[in-house]
N, C-alpha and C. Protein backbone atom coordinates (compact mmCIF):
# COMPACT_ATOMS: atom_id res chain seq x y z
N UNK A 1 35.22 24.92 -12.15
CA UNK A 1 34.74 23.56 -11.94
C UNK A 1 35.53 22.92 -10.81
N UNK A 2 34.83 22.32 -9.86
CA UNK A 2 35.54 21.66 -8.77
C UNK A 2 36.16 20.35 -9.25
N UNK A 3 37.33 20.04 -8.70
CA UNK A 3 37.97 18.76 -8.94
C UNK A 3 37.66 17.85 -7.77
N UNK A 4 37.32 16.60 -8.09
CA UNK A 4 36.97 15.62 -7.07
C UNK A 4 37.87 14.42 -7.27
N UNK A 5 38.40 13.90 -6.18
CA UNK A 5 39.20 12.68 -6.25
C UNK A 5 38.28 11.50 -5.92
N UNK A 6 38.24 10.54 -6.85
CA UNK A 6 37.41 9.35 -6.66
C UNK A 6 38.31 8.13 -6.63
N UNK A 7 37.84 7.08 -5.98
CA UNK A 7 38.57 5.82 -5.88
C UNK A 7 37.79 4.75 -6.63
N UNK A 8 38.46 4.11 -7.59
CA UNK A 8 37.84 3.02 -8.32
C UNK A 8 38.86 1.90 -8.44
N UNK A 9 38.51 0.75 -7.94
CA UNK A 9 39.40 -0.41 -8.03
C UNK A 9 40.72 -0.20 -7.32
N UNK A 10 40.72 0.56 -6.26
CA UNK A 10 41.93 0.80 -5.50
C UNK A 10 42.83 1.85 -6.13
N UNK A 11 42.35 2.52 -7.15
CA UNK A 11 43.14 3.55 -7.83
C UNK A 11 42.43 4.88 -7.68
N UNK A 12 43.20 5.96 -7.59
CA UNK A 12 42.64 7.30 -7.45
C UNK A 12 42.60 7.99 -8.80
N UNK A 13 41.52 8.76 -9.00
CA UNK A 13 41.35 9.53 -10.23
C UNK A 13 40.88 10.93 -9.87
N UNK A 14 41.43 11.94 -10.54
CA UNK A 14 40.99 13.33 -10.40
C UNK A 14 39.96 13.59 -11.50
N UNK A 15 38.78 14.03 -11.11
CA UNK A 15 37.71 14.27 -12.06
C UNK A 15 37.10 15.64 -11.78
N UNK A 16 36.79 16.38 -12.84
CA UNK A 16 36.12 17.67 -12.70
C UNK A 16 34.63 17.48 -12.89
N UNK A 17 33.87 18.33 -12.23
CA UNK A 17 32.41 18.26 -12.38
C UNK A 17 31.83 19.66 -12.19
N UNK A 18 30.55 19.79 -12.48
CA UNK A 18 29.86 21.06 -12.30
C UNK A 18 29.70 21.34 -10.81
N UNK A 19 29.71 22.60 -10.43
CA UNK A 19 29.50 22.93 -9.01
C UNK A 19 28.16 22.36 -8.51
N UNK A 20 28.18 21.75 -7.35
CA UNK A 20 26.97 21.17 -6.76
C UNK A 20 26.75 19.72 -7.14
N UNK A 21 27.52 19.19 -8.09
CA UNK A 21 27.34 17.80 -8.52
C UNK A 21 28.35 16.85 -7.89
N UNK A 22 29.10 17.34 -6.92
CA UNK A 22 30.14 16.52 -6.30
C UNK A 22 29.58 15.25 -5.67
N UNK A 23 28.48 15.38 -4.95
CA UNK A 23 27.93 14.20 -4.28
C UNK A 23 27.41 13.19 -5.29
N UNK A 24 26.83 13.67 -6.39
CA UNK A 24 26.36 12.76 -7.44
C UNK A 24 27.54 12.02 -8.06
N UNK A 25 28.63 12.72 -8.30
CA UNK A 25 29.83 12.11 -8.86
C UNK A 25 30.40 11.06 -7.90
N UNK A 26 30.44 11.39 -6.62
CA UNK A 26 30.94 10.44 -5.62
C UNK A 26 30.06 9.17 -5.59
N UNK A 27 28.75 9.37 -5.68
CA UNK A 27 27.83 8.23 -5.67
C UNK A 27 28.05 7.36 -6.91
N UNK A 28 28.19 7.98 -8.07
CA UNK A 28 28.44 7.22 -9.30
C UNK A 28 29.77 6.49 -9.22
N UNK A 29 30.77 7.14 -8.66
CA UNK A 29 32.09 6.52 -8.51
C UNK A 29 32.01 5.31 -7.58
N UNK A 30 31.21 5.41 -6.51
CA UNK A 30 31.05 4.27 -5.60
C UNK A 30 30.42 3.07 -6.33
N UNK A 31 29.44 3.36 -7.18
CA UNK A 31 28.82 2.28 -7.94
C UNK A 31 29.83 1.61 -8.86
N UNK A 32 30.62 2.41 -9.56
CA UNK A 32 31.64 1.88 -10.46
C UNK A 32 32.70 1.12 -9.66
N UNK A 33 33.08 1.65 -8.50
CA UNK A 33 34.06 0.98 -7.65
C UNK A 33 33.53 -0.36 -7.16
N UNK A 34 32.25 -0.43 -6.81
CA UNK A 34 31.66 -1.71 -6.38
C UNK A 34 31.79 -2.76 -7.48
N UNK A 35 31.50 -2.38 -8.71
CA UNK A 35 31.63 -3.32 -9.84
C UNK A 35 33.09 -3.68 -10.06
N UNK A 36 34.00 -2.71 -9.95
CA UNK A 36 35.43 -2.98 -10.13
C UNK A 36 35.92 -3.93 -9.04
N UNK A 37 35.39 -3.79 -7.83
CA UNK A 37 35.79 -4.66 -6.73
C UNK A 37 35.35 -6.09 -7.00
N UNK A 38 34.15 -6.27 -7.55
CA UNK A 38 33.66 -7.61 -7.90
C UNK A 38 34.60 -8.24 -8.93
N UNK A 39 34.97 -7.45 -9.94
CA UNK A 39 35.89 -7.96 -10.97
C UNK A 39 37.23 -8.32 -10.35
N UNK A 40 37.74 -7.45 -9.51
CA UNK A 40 39.03 -7.67 -8.88
C UNK A 40 39.00 -8.93 -8.02
N UNK A 41 37.90 -9.16 -7.32
CA UNK A 41 37.77 -10.34 -6.47
C UNK A 41 37.74 -11.62 -7.30
N UNK A 42 37.12 -11.57 -8.48
CA UNK A 42 36.97 -12.77 -9.32
C UNK A 42 38.17 -13.00 -10.23
N UNK A 43 38.72 -11.93 -10.78
CA UNK A 43 39.76 -12.07 -11.80
C UNK A 43 41.15 -11.80 -11.23
N UNK A 44 41.22 -10.96 -10.26
CA UNK A 44 42.51 -10.55 -9.72
C UNK A 44 42.90 -9.20 -10.33
N UNK A 45 44.15 -8.91 -10.30
CA UNK A 45 44.62 -7.61 -10.80
C UNK A 45 44.54 -7.62 -12.33
N UNK A 46 43.87 -6.58 -12.86
CA UNK A 46 43.76 -6.43 -14.32
C UNK A 46 44.14 -5.00 -14.68
N UNK A 47 44.52 -4.77 -15.94
CA UNK A 47 44.89 -3.40 -16.35
C UNK A 47 43.74 -2.43 -16.11
N UNK A 48 44.13 -1.20 -15.78
CA UNK A 48 43.18 -0.15 -15.43
C UNK A 48 42.10 0.04 -16.49
N UNK A 49 42.48 0.17 -17.74
CA UNK A 49 41.52 0.41 -18.82
C UNK A 49 40.53 -0.74 -18.93
N UNK A 50 41.03 -1.96 -18.84
CA UNK A 50 40.14 -3.14 -18.95
C UNK A 50 39.19 -3.19 -17.74
N UNK A 51 39.71 -2.91 -16.55
CA UNK A 51 38.88 -2.91 -15.35
C UNK A 51 37.75 -1.89 -15.49
N UNK A 52 38.10 -0.67 -15.91
CA UNK A 52 37.07 0.38 -16.05
C UNK A 52 36.06 0.01 -17.14
N UNK A 53 36.54 -0.56 -18.24
CA UNK A 53 35.63 -0.96 -19.32
C UNK A 53 34.67 -2.04 -18.82
N UNK A 54 35.19 -3.07 -18.19
CA UNK A 54 34.33 -4.16 -17.74
C UNK A 54 33.37 -3.70 -16.64
N UNK A 55 33.84 -2.88 -15.71
CA UNK A 55 32.96 -2.36 -14.66
C UNK A 55 31.86 -1.50 -15.26
N UNK A 56 32.24 -0.68 -16.25
CA UNK A 56 31.24 0.15 -16.93
C UNK A 56 30.22 -0.70 -17.66
N UNK A 57 30.67 -1.78 -18.30
CA UNK A 57 29.74 -2.68 -18.99
C UNK A 57 28.80 -3.37 -18.02
N UNK A 58 29.32 -3.77 -16.87
CA UNK A 58 28.45 -4.39 -15.85
C UNK A 58 27.38 -3.41 -15.38
N UNK A 59 27.78 -2.17 -15.16
CA UNK A 59 26.80 -1.15 -14.76
C UNK A 59 25.79 -0.88 -15.87
N UNK A 60 26.28 -0.84 -17.11
CA UNK A 60 25.38 -0.61 -18.25
C UNK A 60 24.37 -1.75 -18.36
N UNK A 61 24.82 -2.98 -18.11
CA UNK A 61 23.92 -4.13 -18.16
C UNK A 61 22.85 -4.02 -17.08
N UNK A 62 23.25 -3.66 -15.87
CA UNK A 62 22.28 -3.46 -14.79
C UNK A 62 21.30 -2.34 -15.13
N UNK A 63 21.84 -1.26 -15.70
CA UNK A 63 20.99 -0.12 -16.07
C UNK A 63 19.98 -0.53 -17.13
N UNK A 64 20.42 -1.30 -18.13
CA UNK A 64 19.51 -1.76 -19.19
C UNK A 64 18.41 -2.63 -18.61
N UNK A 65 18.77 -3.51 -17.67
CA UNK A 65 17.76 -4.37 -17.04
C UNK A 65 16.75 -3.55 -16.27
N UNK A 66 17.23 -2.54 -15.56
CA UNK A 66 16.33 -1.67 -14.79
C UNK A 66 15.43 -0.87 -15.74
N UNK A 67 15.98 -0.39 -16.85
CA UNK A 67 15.17 0.36 -17.82
C UNK A 67 14.08 -0.53 -18.39
N UNK A 68 14.39 -1.81 -18.66
CA UNK A 68 13.37 -2.74 -19.17
C UNK A 68 12.26 -2.93 -18.13
N UNK A 69 12.66 -3.08 -16.87
CA UNK A 69 11.65 -3.22 -15.81
C UNK A 69 10.79 -1.97 -15.71
N UNK A 70 11.41 -0.82 -15.83
CA UNK A 70 10.66 0.44 -15.75
C UNK A 70 9.66 0.52 -16.90
N UNK A 71 10.08 0.16 -18.11
CA UNK A 71 9.16 0.18 -19.26
C UNK A 71 7.99 -0.76 -19.04
N UNK A 72 8.28 -1.95 -18.51
CA UNK A 72 7.21 -2.92 -18.24
C UNK A 72 6.25 -2.37 -17.20
N UNK A 73 6.78 -1.80 -16.13
CA UNK A 73 5.94 -1.25 -15.06
C UNK A 73 5.14 -0.05 -15.58
N UNK A 74 5.75 0.78 -16.41
CA UNK A 74 5.02 1.92 -16.98
C UNK A 74 3.87 1.44 -17.85
N UNK A 75 4.10 0.36 -18.64
CA UNK A 75 3.03 -0.19 -19.48
C UNK A 75 1.90 -0.74 -18.61
N UNK A 76 2.26 -1.45 -17.53
CA UNK A 76 1.24 -1.97 -16.62
C UNK A 76 0.47 -0.84 -15.95
N UNK A 77 1.18 0.23 -15.58
CA UNK A 77 0.54 1.38 -14.96
C UNK A 77 -0.43 2.04 -15.94
N UNK A 78 0.01 2.21 -17.19
CA UNK A 78 -0.87 2.82 -18.19
C UNK A 78 -2.12 1.98 -18.40
N UNK A 79 -1.94 0.66 -18.42
CA UNK A 79 -3.09 -0.25 -18.56
C UNK A 79 -4.04 -0.12 -17.38
N UNK A 80 -3.48 -0.06 -16.18
CA UNK A 80 -4.30 0.07 -14.97
C UNK A 80 -5.03 1.41 -14.95
N UNK A 81 -4.33 2.49 -15.36
CA UNK A 81 -4.97 3.81 -15.41
C UNK A 81 -6.11 3.82 -16.42
N UNK A 82 -5.90 3.17 -17.57
CA UNK A 82 -6.96 3.10 -18.58
C UNK A 82 -8.16 2.34 -18.03
N UNK A 83 -7.90 1.26 -17.30
CA UNK A 83 -8.99 0.49 -16.71
C UNK A 83 -9.75 1.32 -15.67
N UNK A 84 -9.01 2.07 -14.87
CA UNK A 84 -9.65 2.93 -13.86
C UNK A 84 -10.52 3.97 -14.56
N UNK A 85 -10.02 4.58 -15.62
CA UNK A 85 -10.80 5.58 -16.35
C UNK A 85 -12.06 4.95 -16.96
N UNK A 86 -11.91 3.74 -17.47
CA UNK A 86 -13.08 3.04 -18.03
C UNK A 86 -14.11 2.80 -16.94
N UNK A 87 -13.65 2.33 -15.79
CA UNK A 87 -14.58 2.06 -14.69
C UNK A 87 -15.23 3.34 -14.17
N UNK A 88 -14.47 4.43 -14.17
CA UNK A 88 -15.05 5.70 -13.71
C UNK A 88 -16.10 6.24 -14.68
N UNK A 89 -15.96 5.90 -15.96
CA UNK A 89 -16.90 6.42 -16.95
C UNK A 89 -18.21 5.63 -16.99
N UNK A 90 -18.23 4.47 -16.36
CA UNK A 90 -19.46 3.68 -16.32
C UNK A 90 -20.43 4.34 -15.35
N UNK A 91 -21.66 4.58 -15.78
CA UNK A 91 -22.62 5.21 -14.85
C UNK A 91 -22.94 4.28 -13.68
N UNK A 92 -23.24 4.90 -12.59
CA UNK A 92 -23.58 4.14 -11.38
C UNK A 92 -24.88 3.38 -11.61
N UNK A 93 -24.99 2.19 -11.08
CA UNK A 93 -26.23 1.43 -11.28
C UNK A 93 -27.39 2.09 -10.54
N UNK A 94 -28.56 1.87 -11.08
CA UNK A 94 -29.77 2.38 -10.44
C UNK A 94 -29.95 1.66 -9.11
N UNK A 95 -30.39 2.38 -8.08
CA UNK A 95 -30.60 1.70 -6.80
C UNK A 95 -31.72 0.66 -6.94
N UNK A 96 -31.56 -0.45 -6.26
CA UNK A 96 -32.56 -1.50 -6.32
C UNK A 96 -33.74 -1.13 -5.43
N UNK A 97 -34.90 -1.41 -5.94
CA UNK A 97 -36.09 -1.17 -5.13
C UNK A 97 -36.47 -2.49 -4.48
N UNK A 98 -36.57 -2.45 -3.18
CA UNK A 98 -36.91 -3.65 -2.43
C UNK A 98 -38.27 -3.45 -1.80
N UNK A 99 -39.15 -4.35 -2.11
CA UNK A 99 -40.49 -4.25 -1.54
C UNK A 99 -40.60 -5.22 -0.37
N UNK A 100 -41.12 -4.70 0.72
CA UNK A 100 -41.31 -5.51 1.92
C UNK A 100 -42.80 -5.81 2.04
N UNK A 101 -43.08 -7.05 2.26
CA UNK A 101 -44.49 -7.44 2.39
C UNK A 101 -45.09 -6.76 3.61
N UNK A 102 -46.32 -6.31 3.48
CA UNK A 102 -47.01 -5.66 4.59
C UNK A 102 -47.43 -6.70 5.61
N UNK A 103 -47.31 -6.33 6.87
CA UNK A 103 -47.72 -7.23 7.94
C UNK A 103 -49.25 -7.18 8.02
N UNK A 104 -49.89 -8.33 7.98
CA UNK A 104 -51.36 -8.34 8.02
C UNK A 104 -51.88 -7.71 9.32
N UNK A 105 -53.01 -7.07 9.23
CA UNK A 105 -53.62 -6.40 10.37
C UNK A 105 -53.91 -7.37 11.50
N UNK A 106 -54.29 -8.58 11.16
CA UNK A 106 -54.61 -9.57 12.20
C UNK A 106 -53.39 -9.87 13.08
N UNK A 107 -52.20 -9.88 12.45
CA UNK A 107 -50.96 -10.13 13.20
C UNK A 107 -50.67 -8.94 14.12
N UNK A 108 -50.83 -7.75 13.60
CA UNK A 108 -50.59 -6.55 14.41
C UNK A 108 -51.54 -6.53 15.61
N UNK A 109 -52.81 -6.85 15.36
CA UNK A 109 -53.79 -6.87 16.45
C UNK A 109 -53.45 -7.94 17.49
N UNK A 110 -53.00 -9.12 17.03
CA UNK A 110 -52.65 -10.20 17.95
C UNK A 110 -51.45 -9.80 18.81
N UNK A 111 -50.47 -9.15 18.19
CA UNK A 111 -49.31 -8.71 18.95
C UNK A 111 -49.69 -7.64 19.97
N UNK A 112 -50.58 -6.74 19.59
CA UNK A 112 -51.02 -5.70 20.51
C UNK A 112 -51.75 -6.32 21.69
N UNK A 113 -52.58 -7.33 21.44
CA UNK A 113 -53.31 -8.00 22.51
C UNK A 113 -52.35 -8.71 23.45
N UNK A 114 -51.31 -9.39 22.89
CA UNK A 114 -50.31 -10.06 23.72
C UNK A 114 -49.56 -9.05 24.59
N UNK A 115 -49.22 -7.91 24.02
CA UNK A 115 -48.51 -6.88 24.78
C UNK A 115 -49.38 -6.37 25.92
N UNK A 116 -50.68 -6.17 25.65
CA UNK A 116 -51.59 -5.70 26.70
C UNK A 116 -51.71 -6.72 27.82
N UNK A 117 -51.79 -8.00 27.46
CA UNK A 117 -51.87 -9.04 28.48
C UNK A 117 -50.59 -9.08 29.33
N UNK A 118 -49.43 -8.96 28.66
CA UNK A 118 -48.16 -8.99 29.38
C UNK A 118 -48.08 -7.81 30.35
N UNK A 119 -48.53 -6.64 29.92
CA UNK A 119 -48.52 -5.47 30.79
C UNK A 119 -49.47 -5.67 31.97
N UNK A 120 -50.63 -6.31 31.73
CA UNK A 120 -51.59 -6.56 32.82
C UNK A 120 -51.00 -7.53 33.83
N UNK A 121 -50.34 -8.58 33.35
CA UNK A 121 -49.71 -9.56 34.25
C UNK A 121 -48.63 -8.87 35.06
N UNK A 122 -47.81 -8.02 34.41
CA UNK A 122 -46.74 -7.31 35.12
C UNK A 122 -47.32 -6.40 36.18
N UNK A 123 -48.41 -5.69 35.87
CA UNK A 123 -49.05 -4.79 36.85
C UNK A 123 -49.60 -5.59 38.02
N UNK A 124 -50.19 -6.75 37.74
CA UNK A 124 -50.74 -7.59 38.80
C UNK A 124 -49.62 -8.07 39.73
N UNK A 125 -48.50 -8.49 39.15
CA UNK A 125 -47.37 -8.95 39.96
C UNK A 125 -46.85 -7.82 40.83
N UNK A 126 -46.74 -6.62 40.27
CA UNK A 126 -46.26 -5.47 41.03
C UNK A 126 -47.20 -5.16 42.20
N UNK A 127 -48.51 -5.26 41.96
CA UNK A 127 -49.48 -5.00 43.03
C UNK A 127 -49.36 -6.03 44.15
N UNK A 128 -49.24 -7.30 43.79
CA UNK A 128 -49.11 -8.36 44.80
C UNK A 128 -47.82 -8.20 45.59
N UNK A 129 -46.73 -7.85 44.88
CA UNK A 129 -45.43 -7.68 45.56
C UNK A 129 -45.54 -6.51 46.54
N UNK A 130 -46.22 -5.43 46.13
CA UNK A 130 -46.37 -4.28 47.02
C UNK A 130 -47.21 -4.65 48.22
N UNK A 131 -48.24 -5.44 48.02
CA UNK A 131 -49.11 -5.86 49.13
C UNK A 131 -48.34 -6.73 50.11
N UNK A 132 -47.55 -7.64 49.61
CA UNK A 132 -46.75 -8.51 50.48
C UNK A 132 -45.73 -7.68 51.26
N UNK A 133 -45.14 -6.73 50.64
CA UNK A 133 -44.16 -5.88 51.32
C UNK A 133 -44.86 -5.07 52.42
N UNK A 134 -46.08 -4.62 52.17
CA UNK A 134 -46.80 -3.85 53.17
C UNK A 134 -47.14 -4.71 54.38
N UNK A 135 -47.50 -5.99 54.16
CA UNK A 135 -47.80 -6.90 55.26
C UNK A 135 -46.56 -7.19 56.10
N UNK A 136 -45.42 -7.34 55.45
CA UNK A 136 -44.18 -7.63 56.18
C UNK A 136 -43.77 -6.44 57.06
N UNK A 137 -44.05 -5.26 56.60
CA UNK A 137 -43.64 -4.07 57.34
C UNK A 137 -44.51 -3.89 58.58
N UNK A 138 -45.77 -4.26 58.51
CA UNK A 138 -46.64 -4.03 59.66
C UNK A 138 -46.59 -5.12 60.63
């Protein structure tokens, strides 16, 4: 087992851990040291055992609060997943049939007549323009 030296509250401690867990131990020690530093800043110098106990309790309190939040979020997630499953189980609605009124034949005929007149006027204008251009050239 590797021995790791950790710093908590300005004091050094030799701790053994499983191989490969050194970085996890260092990270946990930093968290405990942060809490010990807060205590030291507020209270001043306190006995080692009391400092470690209070820092551990502060971390335990934070951990308990986080666990409560996780439980609440897990419950909300389960509720949302149940709602999603309920919505997925609902069959898709039938497509709506939309009926469009038929355009009366008289309207279609009137539009066709207007289009024919417009085309005749356009052809007449083109012929006159071509005739005028021919006169200007000669």
